[in-house]
Amino acid sequence: MEIRLTIDNPDLERELYIEEVTVEALKDFVDFFYKPKPLSYQKRDPKQYSHKIEYHDELDEDLSDVKPYSHIEDSAKYVHDLRRERNRV
């Protein structure tokens, strides 16, 4: 729900921004009409809606020795450096 108030008078607009009472009155007005309804949903049985994942042996190569990120010695430093790089941009 969204309510927009357009004011063409700059003096009145400035005065309304300053007055916290106006903002509180608008909130009370909106809350009077808008009462959120609680979410209602039906619980389902996980056993009924789950299924077994079947893997097919279509891969020709053996990937059992593949270990991603095994070259990283200090995981905390690695994550710290990644975050620092991301925040620079």
Protein backbone atom coordinates (compact mmCIF):
# COMPACT_ATOMS: atom_id res chain seq x y z
CA MET A 1 0.00 0.00 0.00
CA GLU A 2 1.42 3.37 -0.96
CA ILE A 3 0.09 6.86 -0.35
CA ARG A 4 1.62 9.83 -2.09
CA LEU A 5 1.09 13.43 -1.10
CA THR A 6 1.95 16.12 -3.63
CA ILE A 7 2.33 19.67 -2.34
CA ASP A 8 2.74 22.55 -4.79
CA ASN A 9 3.47 25.19 -2.16
CA PRO A 10 7.19 25.08 -1.19
CA ASP A 11 6.65 26.92 2.10
CA LEU A 12 3.96 24.48 3.19
CA GLU A 13 6.06 21.55 2.03
CA ARG A 14 9.05 22.72 4.10
CA GLU A 15 6.83 23.25 7.11
CA LEU A 16 5.34 19.75 6.80
CA TYR A 17 8.78 18.16 6.61
CA ILE A 18 9.75 19.88 9.84
CA GLU A 19 6.59 18.97 11.72
CA GLU A 20 6.88 15.49 13.19
CA VAL A 21 3.31 15.76 14.37
CA THR A 22 2.12 15.72 10.76
CA VAL A 23 4.07 12.56 10.02
CA GLU A 24 2.71 10.84 13.11
CA ALA A 25 -0.84 11.89 12.22
CA LEU A 26 -0.44 10.45 8.72
CA LYS A 27 0.91 7.20 10.15
CA ASP A 28 -2.00 6.94 12.55
CA PHE A 29 -4.43 7.67 9.72
CA VAL A 30 -2.96 4.95 7.52
CA ASP A 31 -2.74 2.45 10.38
CA PHE A 32 -6.40 3.05 11.17
CA PHE A 33 -7.46 1.73 7.75
CA TYR A 34 -4.69 -0.77 7.09
CA LYS A 35 -4.65 -3.81 9.31
CA PRO A 36 -2.31 -6.52 8.05
CA LYS A 37 -3.79 -9.99 7.86
CA PRO A 38 -1.79 -12.88 9.26
CA LEU A 39 -0.28 -15.19 6.72
CA SER A 40 -2.24 -18.33 6.23
CA TYR A 41 -0.70 -21.35 4.61
CA GLN A 42 -1.26 -25.04 4.57
CA LYS A 43 1.46 -27.24 5.96
CA ARG A 44 2.44 -30.13 3.75
CA ASP A 45 3.99 -33.44 4.56
CA PRO A 46 7.64 -33.36 3.41
CA LYS A 47 7.64 -37.11 2.83
CA GLN A 48 4.80 -36.81 0.35
CA TYR A 49 6.41 -34.02 -1.71
CA SER A 50 10.04 -35.12 -1.60
CA HIS A 51 11.74 -37.34 -4.10
CA LYS A 52 15.04 -39.11 -4.31
CA ILE A 53 17.71 -37.57 -6.52
CA GLU A 54 19.06 -40.11 -8.91
CA TYR A 55 22.53 -39.68 -10.32
CA HIS A 56 23.45 -41.22 -13.65
CA ASP A 57 26.92 -42.43 -14.44
CA GLU A 58 27.17 -40.47 -17.66
CA LEU A 59 30.51 -38.88 -16.77
CA ASP A 60 33.48 -40.51 -18.41
CA GLU A 61 36.08 -39.04 -16.11
CA ASP A 62 36.69 -39.75 -12.45
CA LEU A 63 36.21 -36.59 -10.38
CA SER A 64 36.70 -38.11 -6.95
CA ASP A 65 40.11 -36.44 -6.57
CA VAL A 66 38.81 -32.94 -7.39
CA LYS A 67 38.86 -30.72 -4.31
CA PRO A 68 37.78 -27.13 -4.96
CA TYR A 69 39.68 -24.43 -3.06
CA SER A 70 42.28 -26.91 -1.85
CA HIS A 71 44.98 -24.37 -2.75
CA ILE A 72 43.77 -22.04 0.04
CA GLU A 73 45.72 -22.39 3.25
CA ASP A 74 44.02 -19.71 5.39
CA SER A 75 40.30 -19.51 4.62
CA ALA A 76 39.70 -16.50 6.90
CA LYS A 77 42.38 -14.47 5.11
CA TYR A 78 41.03 -15.58 1.72
CA VAL A 79 37.48 -14.42 2.54
CA HIS A 80 38.81 -11.20 4.06
CA ASP A 81 40.74 -10.42 0.88
CA LEU A 82 37.73 -11.23 -1.31
CA ARG A 83 35.53 -8.86 0.67
CA ARG A 84 38.14 -6.14 0.55
CA GLU A 85 38.37 -6.48 -3.25
CA ARG A 86 34.58 -6.41 -3.60
CA ASN A 87 34.24 -3.28 -1.47
CA ARG A 88 36.87 -1.37 -3.45
CA VAL A 89 34.69 -1.32 -6.53
